[in-house]
C-alpha atoms as a PDB file:
ATOM      1  CA  UNK A   1       8.852   5.263  15.594  1.00  0.00           C
ATOM      2  CA  UNK A   2       7.587   8.548  15.171  1.00  0.00           C
ATOM      3  CA  UNK A   3       6.877   9.939  11.494  1.00  0.00           C
ATOM      4  CA  UNK A   4       8.266   6.648  10.146  1.00  0.00           C
ATOM      5  CA  UNK A   5       5.164   5.259   8.435  1.00  0.00           C
ATOM      6  CA  UNK A   6       5.278   1.750  10.458  1.00  0.00           C
ATOM      7  CA  UNK A   7       9.149   1.928  11.249  1.00  0.00           C
ATOM      8  CA  UNK A   8      11.902   0.123   9.508  1.00  0.00           C
ATOM      9  CA  UNK A   9      14.334  -2.766  10.253  1.00  0.00           C
ATOM     10  CA  UNK A  10      17.187  -4.365   8.495  1.00  0.00           C
ATOM     11  CA  UNK A  11      16.677  -6.510   5.669  1.00  0.00           C
ATOM     12  CA  UNK A  12      18.454  -8.734   3.483  1.00  0.00           C
ATOM     13  CA  UNK A  13      17.180 -10.535   0.317  1.00  0.00           C
ATOM     14  CA  UNK A  14      20.407 -12.688   0.127  1.00  0.00           C
ATOM     15  CA  UNK A  15      19.585 -16.667   0.361  1.00  0.00           C
ATOM     16  CA  UNK A  16      15.977 -16.393   0.368  1.00  0.00           C
ATOM     17  CA  UNK A  17      14.596 -19.380   2.131  1.00  0.00           C
ATOM     18  CA  UNK A  18      11.743 -20.422   4.541  1.00  0.00           C
ATOM     19  CA  UNK A  19      10.585 -17.324   6.226  1.00  0.00           C
ATOM     20  CA  UNK A  20      11.231 -14.128   8.165  1.00  0.00           C
ATOM     21  CA  UNK A  21      12.525 -15.886  11.265  1.00  0.00           C
ATOM     22  CA  UNK A  22      15.870 -16.283   9.439  1.00  0.00           C
ATOM     23  CA  UNK A  23      18.644 -14.040   8.300  1.00  0.00           C
ATOM     24  CA  UNK A  24      16.298 -12.024   5.919  1.00  0.00           C
ATOM     25  CA  UNK A  25      12.677 -10.799   4.910  1.00  0.00           C
ATOM     26  CA  UNK A  26      10.866 -12.309   1.912  1.00  0.00           C
ATOM     27  CA  UNK A  27       7.753 -11.577   0.036  1.00  0.00           C
ATOM     28  CA  UNK A  28       4.750 -12.692   1.851  1.00  0.00           C
ATOM     29  CA  UNK A  29       2.536 -15.292  -0.274  1.00  0.00           C
ATOM     30  CA  UNK A  30      -1.154 -15.998   0.512  1.00  0.00           C
ATOM     31  CA  UNK A  31      -2.420 -18.809  -1.847  1.00  0.00           C
ATOM     32  CA  UNK A  32      -5.880 -19.381  -2.676  1.00  0.00           C
ATOM     33  CA  UNK A  33      -7.520 -22.607  -4.582  1.00  0.00           C
ATOM     34  CA  UNK A  34     -10.962 -22.819  -6.042  1.00  0.00           C
ATOM     35  CA  UNK A  35     -13.415 -25.396  -4.764  1.00  0.00           C
ATOM     36  CA  UNK A  36     -15.451 -26.986  -7.153  1.00  0.00           C
ATOM     37  CA  UNK A  37     -18.670 -25.054  -8.192  1.00  0.00           C
ATOM     38  CA  UNK A  38     -17.274 -22.477  -5.407  1.00  0.00           C
ATOM     39  CA  UNK A  39     -18.300 -18.797  -6.216  1.00  0.00           C
ATOM     40  CA  UNK A  40     -15.028 -17.542  -5.349  1.00  0.00           C
ATOM     41  CA  UNK A  41     -11.698 -19.285  -4.167  1.00  0.00           C
ATOM     42  CA  UNK A  42     -11.037 -19.926  -0.500  1.00  0.00           C
ATOM     43  CA  UNK A  43      -7.805 -19.129   1.209  1.00  0.00           C
ATOM     44  CA  UNK A  44      -5.708 -22.073   1.930  1.00  0.00           C
ATOM     45  CA  UNK A  45      -2.431 -20.711   3.549  1.00  0.00           C
ATOM     46  CA  UNK A  46      -0.283 -18.125   4.064  1.00  0.00           C
ATOM     47  CA  UNK A  47       3.578 -18.410   3.694  1.00  0.00           C
ATOM     48  CA  UNK A  48       6.880 -16.543   3.005  1.00  0.00           C
ATOM     49  CA  UNK A  49       8.553 -17.174  -0.499  1.00  0.00           C
ATOM     50  CA  UNK A  50      11.403 -16.748  -2.743  1.00  0.00           C
ATOM     51  CA  UNK A  51      13.636 -19.443  -3.254  1.00  0.00           C
ATOM     52  CA  UNK A  52      16.406 -17.856  -5.556  1.00  0.00           C
ATOM     53  CA  UNK A  53      19.345 -15.911  -4.282  1.00  0.00           C
ATOM     54  CA  UNK A  54      18.877 -12.313  -5.028  1.00  0.00           C
ATOM     55  CA  UNK A  55      21.875  -9.829  -5.032  1.00  0.00           C
ATOM     56  CA  UNK A  56      20.930  -6.279  -3.438  1.00  0.00           C
ATOM     57  CA  UNK A  57      22.720  -4.182  -1.042  1.00  0.00           C
ATOM     58  CA  UNK A  58      21.825  -5.110   2.680  1.00  0.00           C
ATOM     59  CA  UNK A  59      20.024  -2.142   4.446  1.00  0.00           C
ATOM     60  CA  UNK A  60      16.560  -1.337   5.995  1.00  0.00           C
ATOM     61  CA  UNK A  61      13.585   0.176   4.547  1.00  0.00           C
ATOM     62  CA  UNK A  62      14.364  -1.087   1.145  1.00  0.00           C
ATOM     63  CA  UNK A  63      10.916  -0.780  -0.503  1.00  0.00           C
ATOM     64  CA  UNK A  64       7.575   0.594   0.673  1.00  0.00           C
ATOM     65  CA  UNK A  65       4.637  -0.766  -1.513  1.00  0.00           C
ATOM     66  CA  UNK A  66       4.274  -1.856  -4.961  1.00  0.00           C
ATOM     67  CA  UNK A  67       2.068  -2.590  -7.870  1.00  0.00           C
ATOM     68  CA  UNK A  68       1.343  -4.873 -10.797  1.00  0.00           C
ATOM     69  CA  UNK A  69       2.844  -3.854 -13.875  1.00  0.00           C
ATOM     70  CA  UNK A  70       1.411  -4.238 -17.680  1.00  0.00           C
ATOM     71  CA  UNK A  71       3.704  -7.213 -17.875  1.00  0.00           C
ATOM     72  CA  UNK A  72       2.301  -8.997 -14.588  1.00  0.00           C
ATOM     73  CA  UNK A  73       4.879  -8.796 -12.723  1.00  0.00           C
ATOM     74  CA  UNK A  74       5.097  -6.997  -9.119  1.00  0.00           C
ATOM     75  CA  UNK A  75       7.477  -3.819  -8.862  1.00  0.00           C
ATOM     76  CA  UNK A  76       8.421  -2.771  -5.368  1.00  0.00           C
ATOM     77  CA  UNK A  77       8.848   1.121  -4.946  1.00  0.00           C
ATOM     78  CA  UNK A  78      12.221   1.905  -3.703  1.00  0.00           C
ATOM     79  CA  UNK A  79      12.541   3.699  -0.115  1.00  0.00           C
ATOM     80  CA  UNK A  80      16.328   3.564   0.830  1.00  0.00           C
ATOM     81  CA  UNK A  81      16.986   1.071  -2.201  1.00  0.00           C
ATOM     82  CA  UNK A  82      18.582   2.217  -5.296  1.00  0.00           C
ATOM     83  CA  UNK A  83      16.803  -0.565  -7.182  1.00  0.00           C
ATOM     84  CA  UNK A  84      13.225  -1.412  -8.028  1.00  0.00           C
ATOM     85  CA  UNK A  85      12.418  -4.869  -7.078  1.00  0.00           C
ATOM     86  CA  UNK A  86      10.784  -7.188  -9.374  1.00  0.00           C
ATOM     87  CA  UNK A  87       8.593 -10.367  -8.626  1.00  0.00           C
ATOM     88  CA  UNK A  88       7.403 -12.715 -11.404  1.00  0.00           C
ATOM     89  CA  UNK A  89       4.388 -14.468  -9.931  1.00  0.00           C
ATOM     90  CA  UNK A  90       4.539 -16.989 -12.731  1.00  0.00           C
ATOM     91  CA  UNK A  91       8.143 -18.300 -11.864  1.00  0.00           C
ATOM     92  CA  UNK A  92       8.724 -17.285  -8.590  1.00  0.00           C
ATOM     93  CA  UNK A  93      11.886 -15.234  -9.695  1.00  0.00           C
ATOM     94  CA  UNK A  94      13.114 -11.968  -7.773  1.00  0.00           C
ATOM     95  CA  UNK A  95      14.729  -9.253 -10.012  1.00  0.00           C
ATOM     96  CA  UNK A  96      16.112  -5.817  -9.717  1.00  0.00           C
ATOM     97  CA  UNK A  97      15.767  -2.525 -12.003  1.00  0.00           C
ATOM     98  CA  UNK A  98      18.626  -0.085 -11.383  1.00  0.00           C
ATOM     99  CA  UNK A  99      18.248   3.532 -11.801  1.00  0.00           C
ATOM    100  CA  UNK A 100      16.641   5.055  -8.791  1.00  0.00           C
ATOM    101  CA  UNK A 101      18.714   7.784  -7.070  1.00  0.00           C
ATOM    102  CA  UNK A 102      20.360   7.962  -3.736  1.00  0.00           C
ATOM    103  CA  UNK A 103      18.052   8.951  -0.532  1.00  0.00           C
ATOM    104  CA  UNK A 104      16.191   7.753   2.056  1.00  0.00           C
ATOM    105  CA  UNK A 105      12.652   7.138   2.076  1.00  0.00           C
ATOM    106  CA  UNK A 106      12.180   8.579  -1.277  1.00  0.00           C
ATOM    107  CA  UNK A 107       8.708   7.095  -2.249  1.00  0.00           C
ATOM    108  CA  UNK A 108       5.860   5.602  -0.474  1.00  0.00           C
ATOM    109  CA  UNK A 109       3.467   3.512  -2.785  1.00  0.00           C
ATOM    110  CA  UNK A 110       2.927   3.695  -6.457  1.00  0.00           C
ATOM    111  CA  UNK A 111       0.026   3.847  -8.881  1.00  0.00           C
ATOM    112  CA  UNK A 112      -0.233   2.005 -12.217  1.00  0.00           C
ATOM    113  CA  UNK A 113      -1.549   4.599 -14.850  1.00  0.00           C
ATOM    114  CA  UNK A 114      -3.310   4.113 -18.392  1.00  0.00           C
ATOM    115  CA  UNK A 115       0.284   4.531 -20.166  1.00  0.00           C
ATOM    116  CA  UNK A 116       1.202   1.052 -18.976  1.00  0.00           C
ATOM    117  CA  UNK A 117       3.829   3.206 -16.511  1.00  0.00           C
ATOM    118  CA  UNK A 118       3.975   2.952 -12.669  1.00  0.00           C
ATOM    119  CA  UNK A 119       4.190   6.004 -10.807  1.00  0.00           C
ATOM    120  CA  UNK A 120       6.142   6.423  -6.946  1.00  0.00           C
ATOM    121  CA  UNK A 121       4.276   8.908  -5.010  1.00  0.00           C
ATOM    122  CA  UNK A 122       7.153  11.102  -3.430  1.00  0.00           C
ATOM    123  CA  UNK A 123       7.679  10.872   0.484  1.00  0.00           C
ATOM    124  CA  UNK A 124      11.058  12.435   1.051  1.00  0.00           C
ATOM    125  CA  UNK A 125      11.885  12.590  -2.501  1.00  0.00           C
ATOM    126  CA  UNK A 126      11.348  15.878  -4.643  1.00  0.00           C
ATOM    127  CA  UNK A 127      10.259  14.221  -7.503  1.00  0.00           C
ATOM    128  CA  UNK A 128       8.105  11.590  -9.115  1.00  0.00           C
ATOM    129  CA  UNK A 129       9.003   8.135 -10.006  1.00  0.00           C
ATOM    130  CA  UNK A 130       8.270   6.571 -13.374  1.00  0.00           C
ATOM    131  CA  UNK A 131       8.789   3.072 -14.017  1.00  0.00           C
ATOM    132  CA  UNK A 132       7.833   1.503 -17.497  1.00  0.00           C
ATOM    133  CA  UNK A 133       7.840  -2.249 -17.158  1.00  0.00           C
ATOM    134  CA  UNK A 134       7.894  -3.018 -20.876  1.00  0.00           C
ATOM    135  CA  UNK A 135      11.049  -1.159 -21.346  1.00  0.00           C
ATOM    136  CA  UNK A 136      12.462  -1.620 -17.714  1.00  0.00           C
ATOM    137  CA  UNK A 137      13.355   2.418 -17.801  1.00  0.00           C
ATOM    138  CA  UNK A 138      13.339   3.913 -14.484  1.00  0.00           C
ATOM    139  CA  UNK A 139      13.193   7.778 -14.376  1.00  0.00           C
ATOM    140  CA  UNK A 140      11.862  10.812 -12.280  1.00  0.00           C
ATOM    141  CA  UNK A 141      10.293  14.020 -13.337  1.00  0.00           C
ATOM    142  CA  UNK A 142       8.291  17.009 -11.961  1.00  0.00           C
ATOM    143  CA  UNK A 143       9.311  18.926  -8.741  1.00  0.00           C
ATOM    144  CA  UNK A 144       7.940  19.230  -5.414  1.00  0.00           C
ATOM    145  CA  UNK A 145       8.957  20.923  -2.427  1.00  0.00           C
ATOM    146  CA  UNK A 146      11.514  19.517   0.114  1.00  0.00           C
ATOM    147  CA  UNK A 147      10.387  17.832   3.273  1.00  0.00           C
ATOM    148  CA  UNK A 148       9.891  14.399   5.184  1.00  0.00           C
ATOM    149  CA  UNK A 149       6.576  12.056   4.785  1.00  0.00           C
ATOM    150  CA  UNK A 150       4.775  14.607   2.320  1.00  0.00           C
ATOM    151  CA  UNK A 151       2.518  12.198   0.821  1.00  0.00           C
ATOM    152  CA  UNK A 152       1.570   8.920   1.940  1.00  0.00           C
ATOM    153  CA  UNK A 153       0.406   6.855  -1.298  1.00  0.00           C
ATOM    154  CA  UNK A 154      -2.311   7.907  -3.719  1.00  0.00           C
ATOM    155  CA  UNK A 155      -4.709   6.738  -6.332  1.00  0.00           C
ATOM    156  CA  UNK A 156      -5.723   6.927 -10.041  1.00  0.00           C
ATOM    157  CA  UNK A 157      -8.898   9.206 -10.622  1.00  0.00           C
ATOM    158  CA  UNK A 158     -11.436   8.335 -13.235  1.00  0.00           C
ATOM    159  CA  UNK A 159     -10.054  11.384 -15.204  1.00  0.00           C
ATOM    160  CA  UNK A 160      -6.659   9.693 -15.795  1.00  0.00           C
ATOM    161  CA  UNK A 161      -4.873  11.729 -12.996  1.00  0.00           C
ATOM    162  CA  UNK A 162      -3.164  10.534 -10.193  1.00  0.00           C
ATOM    163  CA  UNK A 163      -3.657  12.067  -6.730  1.00  0.00           C
ATOM    164  CA  UNK A 164      -1.226  12.110  -3.752  1.00  0.00           C
ATOM    165  CA  UNK A 165      -2.517  11.977  -0.361  1.00  0.00           C
ATOM    166  CA  UNK A 166      -1.128  14.292   2.165  1.00  0.00           C
ATOM    167  CA  UNK A 167       0.618  13.294   5.437  1.00  0.00           C
ATOM    168  CA  UNK A 168       2.933  16.259   6.108  1.00  0.00           C
ATOM    169  CA  UNK A 169       2.176  18.011   3.080  1.00  0.00           C
ATOM    170  CA  UNK A 170      -0.642  20.516   3.374  1.00  0.00           C
ATOM    171  CA  UNK A 171      -2.105  19.861  -0.036  1.00  0.00           C
ATOM    172  CA  UNK A 172      -3.186  17.286  -2.468  1.00  0.00           C
ATOM    173  CA  UNK A 173      -0.305  16.138  -5.300  1.00  0.00           C
ATOM    174  CA  UNK A 174      -1.662  16.198  -8.645  1.00  0.00           C
ATOM    175  CA  UNK A 175       0.263  14.022 -11.216  1.00  0.00           C
ATOM    176  CA  UNK A 176      -0.871  13.825 -14.804  1.00  0.00           C
ATOM    177  CA  UNK A 177       0.819  11.102 -16.624  1.00  0.00           C
ATOM    178  CA  UNK A 178      -0.349  11.955 -20.195  1.00  0.00           C
ATOM    179  CA  UNK A 179       1.429  15.472 -19.753  1.00  0.00           C
ATOM    180  CA  UNK A 180       4.156  15.076 -16.805  1.00  0.00           C
ATOM    181  CA  UNK A 181       2.430  17.921 -14.932  1.00  0.00           C
ATOM    182  CA  UNK A 182       3.006  17.991 -11.362  1.00  0.00           C
ATOM    183  CA  UNK A 183       1.022  20.206  -9.288  1.00  0.00           C
ATOM    184  CA  UNK A 184      -0.872  20.687  -5.931  1.00  0.00           C
ATOM    185  CA  UNK A 185      -4.347  21.507  -5.359  1.00  0.00           C
ATOM    186  CA  UNK A 186      -6.998  22.167  -2.793  1.00  0.00           C
ATOM    187  CA  UNK A 187      -6.910  24.287   0.591  1.00  0.00           C
ATOM    188  CA  UNK A 188      -3.970  23.879   2.898  1.00  0.00           C
ATOM    189  CA  UNK A 189      -4.528  21.369   5.721  1.00  0.00           C
ATOM    190  CA  UNK A 190      -2.340  21.505   8.765  1.00  0.00           C
ATOM    191  CA  UNK A 191      -0.891  18.444  10.554  1.00  0.00           C
ATOM    192  CA  UNK A 192       1.851  15.868  10.723  1.00  0.00           C
ATOM    193  CA  UNK A 193       0.933  12.238   9.321  1.00  0.00           C
ATOM    194  CA  UNK A 194      -2.561  13.256   8.458  1.00  0.00           C
ATOM    195  CA  UNK A 195      -3.658  10.515   6.186  1.00  0.00           C
ATOM    196  CA  UNK A 196      -2.222   7.121   4.699  1.00  0.00           C
ATOM    197  CA  UNK A 197      -3.045   5.764   1.546  1.00  0.00           C
ATOM    198  CA  UNK A 198      -5.620   6.842  -1.337  1.00  0.00           C
ATOM    199  CA  UNK A 199      -8.469   4.558  -2.402  1.00  0.00           C
ATOM    200  CA  UNK A 200     -10.865   5.190  -5.050  1.00  0.00           C
ATOM    201  CA  UNK A 201     -14.622   4.287  -3.764  1.00  0.00           C
ATOM    202  CA  UNK A 202     -17.524   3.140  -5.553  1.00  0.00           C
ATOM    203  CA  UNK A 203     -18.725   6.403  -6.024  1.00  0.00           C
ATOM    204  CA  UNK A 204     -15.564   7.467  -8.172  1.00  0.00           C
ATOM    205  CA  UNK A 205     -14.113   9.815  -5.419  1.00  0.00           C
ATOM    206  CA  UNK A 206     -10.853   9.272  -3.694  1.00  0.00           C
ATOM    207  CA  UNK A 207     -10.629   8.566  -0.247  1.00  0.00           C
ATOM    208  CA  UNK A 208      -7.652   8.998   2.616  1.00  0.00           C
ATOM    209  CA  UNK A 209      -7.572   6.932   5.435  1.00  0.00           C
ATOM    210  CA  UNK A 210      -6.750   8.655   8.721  1.00  0.00           C
ATOM    211  CA  UNK A 211      -3.652   8.104  10.462  1.00  0.00           C
ATOM    212  CA  UNK A 212      -3.410  10.723  12.938  1.00  0.00           C
ATOM    213  CA  UNK A 213      -6.382  12.857  11.369  1.00  0.00           C
ATOM    214  CA  UNK A 214      -9.431  12.883  13.255  1.00  0.00           C
ATOM    215  CA  UNK A 215     -11.619  12.866   9.916  1.00  0.00           C
ATOM    216  CA  UNK A 216     -11.611  10.839   6.415  1.00  0.00           C
ATOM    217  CA  UNK A 217      -9.980  12.687   3.514  1.00  0.00           C
ATOM    218  CA  UNK A 218     -12.315  13.006   0.272  1.00  0.00           C
ATOM    219  CA  UNK A 219     -11.011  13.903  -2.971  1.00  0.00           C
ATOM    220  CA  UNK A 220     -13.557  14.402  -6.210  1.00  0.00           C
ATOM    221  CA  UNK A 221     -11.668  13.805  -9.498  1.00  0.00           C
ATOM    222  CA  UNK A 222     -12.652  16.165 -12.261  1.00  0.00           C
ATOM    223  CA  UNK A 223     -13.735  18.971 -10.076  1.00  0.00           C
ATOM    224  CA  UNK A 224     -10.633  18.693  -7.729  1.00  0.00           C
ATOM    225  CA  UNK A 225     -12.851  19.382  -4.709  1.00  0.00           C
ATOM    226  CA  UNK A 226     -10.983  18.203  -1.316  1.00  0.00           C
ATOM    227  CA  UNK A 227     -13.154  17.897   1.854  1.00  0.00           C
ATOM    228  CA  UNK A 228     -13.248  15.805   4.901  1.00  0.00           C
ATOM    229  CA  UNK A 229     -16.152  13.369   6.148  1.00  0.00           C
ATOM    230  CA  UNK A 230     -17.010  11.557   9.307  1.00  0.00           C
ATOM    231  CA  UNK A 231     -15.384  11.800  12.745  1.00  0.00           C
ATOM    232  CA  UNK A 232     -12.672   9.194  14.327  1.00  0.00           C
ATOM    233  CA  UNK A 233     -11.275   9.332  17.833  1.00  0.00           C
ATOM    234  CA  UNK A 234      -8.036  11.215  18.504  1.00  0.00           C
ATOM    235  CA  UNK A 235      -4.767   9.132  18.243  1.00  0.00           C
ATOM    236  CA  UNK A 236      -1.266   8.320  16.328  1.00  0.00           C
ATOM    237  CA  UNK A 237      -0.983   5.729  13.553  1.00  0.00           C
ATOM    238  CA  UNK A 238      -4.748   4.696  13.722  1.00  0.00           C
ATOM    239  CA  UNK A 239      -5.160   2.732  10.150  1.00  0.00           C
ATOM    240  CA  UNK A 240      -2.391   1.971   7.635  1.00  0.00           C
ATOM    241  CA  UNK A 241      -4.180   2.477   4.740  1.00  0.00           C
ATOM    242  CA  UNK A 242      -7.206   0.742   3.315  1.00  0.00           C
ATOM    243  CA  UNK A 243      -9.006  -0.734   0.384  1.00  0.00           C
ATOM    244  CA  UNK A 244     -12.304  -0.869  -1.567  1.00  0.00           C
ATOM    245  CA  UNK A 245     -14.395  -3.682  -1.517  1.00  0.00           C
ATOM    246  CA  UNK A 246     -16.563  -5.207  -4.121  1.00  0.00           C
ATOM    247  CA  UNK A 247     -19.484  -3.434  -2.149  1.00  0.00           C
ATOM    248  CA  UNK A 248     -18.076  -0.287  -3.107  1.00  0.00           C
ATOM    249  CA  UNK A 249     -17.348   0.778   0.478  1.00  0.00           C
ATOM    250  CA  UNK A 250     -13.738   1.409   2.018  1.00  0.00           C
ATOM    251  CA  UNK A 251     -12.186  -0.617   4.847  1.00  0.00           C
ATOM    252  CA  UNK A 252      -9.242   0.729   6.953  1.00  0.00           C
ATOM    253  CA  UNK A 253      -6.621  -1.295   8.175  1.00  0.00           C
ATOM    254  CA  UNK A 254      -5.626  -1.199  11.904  1.00  0.00           C
ATOM    255  CA  UNK A 255      -2.258  -0.233  12.665  1.00  0.00           C
ATOM    256  CA  UNK A 256      -2.903   1.165  16.601  1.00  0.00           C
ATOM    257  CA  UNK A 257      -6.420   1.273  15.914  1.00  0.00           C
ATOM    258  CA  UNK A 258      -8.234  -1.912  17.784  1.00  0.00           C
ATOM    259  CA  UNK A 259     -10.879  -1.895  14.830  1.00  0.00           C
ATOM    260  CA  UNK A 260     -11.292  -2.023  11.193  1.00  0.00           C
ATOM    261  CA  UNK A 261     -12.623   1.375   9.626  1.00  0.00           C
ATOM    262  CA  UNK A 262     -15.339   1.301   7.474  1.00  0.00           C
ATOM    263  CA  UNK A 263     -16.558   4.296   4.855  1.00  0.00           C
ATOM    264  CA  UNK A 264     -19.733   3.898   3.313  1.00  0.00           C
ATOM    265  CA  UNK A 265     -19.167   5.741   0.214  1.00  0.00           C
ATOM    266  CA  UNK A 266     -22.903   6.128  -0.796  1.00  0.00           C
ATOM    267  CA  UNK A 267     -23.831   7.488   2.729  1.00  0.00           C
ATOM    268  CA  UNK A 268     -20.397   9.077   3.616  1.00  0.00           C
ATOM    269  CA  UNK A 269     -21.014   7.359   7.338  1.00  0.00           C
ATOM    270  CA  UNK A 270     -17.928   6.416   9.058  1.00  0.00           C
ATOM    271  CA  UNK A 271     -17.786   3.650  11.280  1.00  0.00           C
ATOM    272  CA  UNK A 272     -15.827   0.893  13.112  1.00  0.00           C
ATOM    273  CA  UNK A 273     -16.567  -2.953  12.612  1.00  0.00           C
ATOM    274  CA  UNK A 274     -15.168  -6.282  14.177  1.00  0.00           C
ATOM    275  CA  UNK A 275     -13.550  -7.252  17.136  1.00  0.00           C
ATOM    276  CA  UNK A 276     -11.138  -5.086  19.239  1.00  0.00           C
ATOM    277  CA  UNK A 277      -7.492  -6.273  18.093  1.00  0.00           C
ATOM    278  CA  UNK A 278      -5.062  -4.801  20.503  1.00  0.00           C
ATOM    279  CA  UNK A 279      -1.337  -4.034  19.337  1.00  0.00           C
ATOM    280  CA  UNK A 280       0.720  -1.445  17.618  1.00  0.00           C
ATOM    281  CA  UNK A 281       1.814  -1.218  13.885  1.00  0.00           C
ATOM    282  CA  UNK A 282      -0.458  -4.602  13.428  1.00  0.00           C
ATOM    283  CA  UNK A 283      -1.004  -4.621   9.855  1.00  0.00           C
ATOM    284  CA  UNK A 284       0.738  -2.761   6.826  1.00  0.00           C
ATOM    285  CA  UNK A 285      -1.898  -2.229   4.190  1.00  0.00           C
ATOM    286  CA  UNK A 286      -4.338  -4.943   2.362  1.00  0.00           C
ATOM    287  CA  UNK A 287      -5.591  -6.377  -0.532  1.00  0.00           C
ATOM    288  CA  UNK A 288      -8.866  -7.570  -2.132  1.00  0.00           C
ATOM    289  CA  UNK A 289      -8.505 -11.402  -2.891  1.00  0.00           C
ATOM    290  CA  UNK A 290     -10.608 -13.134  -5.945  1.00  0.00           C
ATOM    291  CA  UNK A 291     -13.008 -14.544  -3.339  1.00  0.00           C
ATOM    292  CA  UNK A 292     -14.040 -10.763  -2.469  1.00  0.00           C
ATOM    293  CA  UNK A 293     -12.692 -10.831   1.168  1.00  0.00           C
ATOM    294  CA  UNK A 294      -9.809  -8.639   2.213  1.00  0.00           C
ATOM    295  CA  UNK A 295      -6.471  -9.746   3.497  1.00  0.00           C
ATOM    296  CA  UNK A 296      -4.402  -7.310   5.961  1.00  0.00           C
ATOM    297  CA  UNK A 297      -0.568  -7.578   5.285  1.00  0.00           C
ATOM    298  CA  UNK A 298       1.294  -8.527   8.740  1.00  0.00           C
ATOM    299  CA  UNK A 299       3.606  -5.770   9.845  1.00  0.00           C
ATOM    300  CA  UNK A 300       4.350  -6.343  13.534  1.00  0.00           C
ATOM    301  CA  UNK A 301       1.803  -8.724  14.195  1.00  0.00           C
ATOM    302  CA  UNK A 302       2.052 -12.280  13.209  1.00  0.00           C
ATOM    303  CA  UNK A 303      -0.841 -13.247  11.483  1.00  0.00           C
ATOM    304  CA  UNK A 304      -3.130 -12.130   8.382  1.00  0.00           C
ATOM    305  CA  UNK A 305      -6.225 -10.395   9.051  1.00  0.00           C
ATOM    306  CA  UNK A 306      -9.051 -11.726   6.831  1.00  0.00           C
ATOM    307  CA  UNK A 307     -12.298  -9.202   6.490  1.00  0.00           C
ATOM    308  CA  UNK A 308     -15.490 -10.342   4.841  1.00  0.00           C
ATOM    309  CA  UNK A 309     -17.265  -7.164   3.547  1.00  0.00           C
ATOM    310  CA  UNK A 310     -20.858  -8.998   3.052  1.00  0.00           C
ATOM    311  CA  UNK A 311     -20.878 -10.098   6.470  1.00  0.00           C
ATOM    312  CA  UNK A 312     -18.881  -7.613   8.516  1.00  0.00           C
ATOM    313  CA  UNK A 313     -16.863 -10.743   9.676  1.00  0.00           C
ATOM    314  CA  UNK A 314     -13.375  -9.969  10.927  1.00  0.00           C
ATOM    315  CA  UNK A 315     -10.937 -12.819  11.807  1.00  0.00           C
ATOM    316  CA  UNK A 316      -7.384 -13.910  11.919  1.00  0.00           C
ATOM    317  CA  UNK A 317      -5.705 -16.582   9.693  1.00  0.00           C
ATOM    318  CA  UNK A 318      -3.569 -19.460  10.606  1.00  0.00           C
ATOM    319  CA  UNK A 319       0.118 -18.991   9.834  1.00  0.00           C
ATOM    320  CA  UNK A 320       2.498 -17.423  12.223  1.00  0.00           C
ATOM    321  CA  UNK A 321       5.020 -14.792  11.011  1.00  0.00           C
ATOM    322  CA  UNK A 322       7.009 -13.272  14.058  1.00  0.00           C
ATOM    323  CA  UNK A 323       9.428 -10.379  13.756  1.00  0.00           C
ATOM    324  CA  UNK A 324       8.953  -6.441  13.292  1.00  0.00           C
ATOM    325  CA  UNK A 325       7.830  -4.645  10.252  1.00  0.00           C
ATOM    326  CA  UNK A 326       8.019  -7.718   7.822  1.00  0.00           C
ATOM    327  CA  UNK A 327       5.927  -6.360   4.963  1.00  0.00           C
ATOM    328  CA  UNK A 328       4.229  -3.048   3.714  1.00  0.00           C
ATOM    329  CA  UNK A 329       1.470  -3.257   1.145  1.00  0.00           C
ATOM    330  CA  UNK A 330       0.461  -6.136  -1.176  1.00  0.00           C
ATOM    331  CA  UNK A 331      -0.454  -7.206  -4.646  1.00  0.00           C
ATOM    332  CA  UNK A 332      -2.671  -9.472  -6.267  1.00  0.00           C
ATOM    333  CA  UNK A 333      -1.413 -11.804  -8.937  1.00  0.00           C
ATOM    334  CA  UNK A 334      -3.029 -12.776 -12.085  1.00  0.00           C
ATOM    335  CA  UNK A 335      -3.138 -16.176 -10.796  1.00  0.00           C
ATOM    336  CA  UNK A 336      -4.988 -15.365  -7.281  1.00  0.00           C
ATOM    337  CA  UNK A 337      -2.022 -15.204  -5.325  1.00  0.00           C
ATOM    338  CA  UNK A 338      -1.454 -12.172  -2.975  1.00  0.00           C
ATOM    339  CA  UNK A 339       2.188 -11.136  -2.410  1.00  0.00           C
ATOM    340  CA  UNK A 340       3.341  -8.925   0.452  1.00  0.00           C
ATOM    341  CA  UNK A 341       6.137  -6.534  -0.257  1.00  0.00           C
ATOM    342  CA  UNK A 342       9.227  -6.834   1.905  1.00  0.00           C
ATOM    343  CA  UNK A 343      10.387  -3.857   3.930  1.00  0.00           C
END
């Protein structure tokens, strides 16, 4: 699938129903329920949801990632789609916000900012996407160079600035929500599909997960210092982003890599944990649940992966979802449910 970050397959959201074995793909729903006197909720099941018809144009790679807005709804960032998908966890309703321009693979992942807006990171697009949940306003701003797969996601630093992680781009993207400034920082770094996803670690730095790169990217907000740490084996599409756990460490989610990546943000040690899990394009990102565990969103694999940071235990959950490139990225809703974003 080359430079496509996990490939793309046809998607229809018309007539949402029981799961991805039918005529379309739906939001992945991971439910949890509190146990009496339990410290954290325990996972009970993983199902595909969406019961009300939603009229959108059929096609492929509709959305690539999403984020929870200030209104509690989840917003999917458009790749090929000309609409932003909106999922209301309270009702299960799906809606769309118009206003996205034409184009392929426009934005990849998005980041909520302190101004209550959500910002889409340019993949093929030449500007930054801005979604304002309160007003449903959708706009673009700034100017970045032409190119494909420029940045693969990003994160909000403690300085209130969003930093985009370079894939094919040579430098880190800097977005200042308060001023609308869009620039690039750091030294030029050559290579294709270098890192995927930006995660704020326990030390306040932002880390990029190796996709084809052989080291972890580290961005220091405030000073804007850009460096790399650790060493990982050569290979393509190794980890599809990652998350920061309650222990402050970062865990990379296996795509082609066999094991989970662990980045100790205090010691800067980079290791791999868990059993070897064979396959390609296995999971497309992950979410930390209310129980402190990490749940990986199935892409080409048919099960959810669960990582327990406290013990280093890595397991696969019950619930099977056949199909290719089903979901990419996920969001934790206020009720403790995890929603996977359909591609």
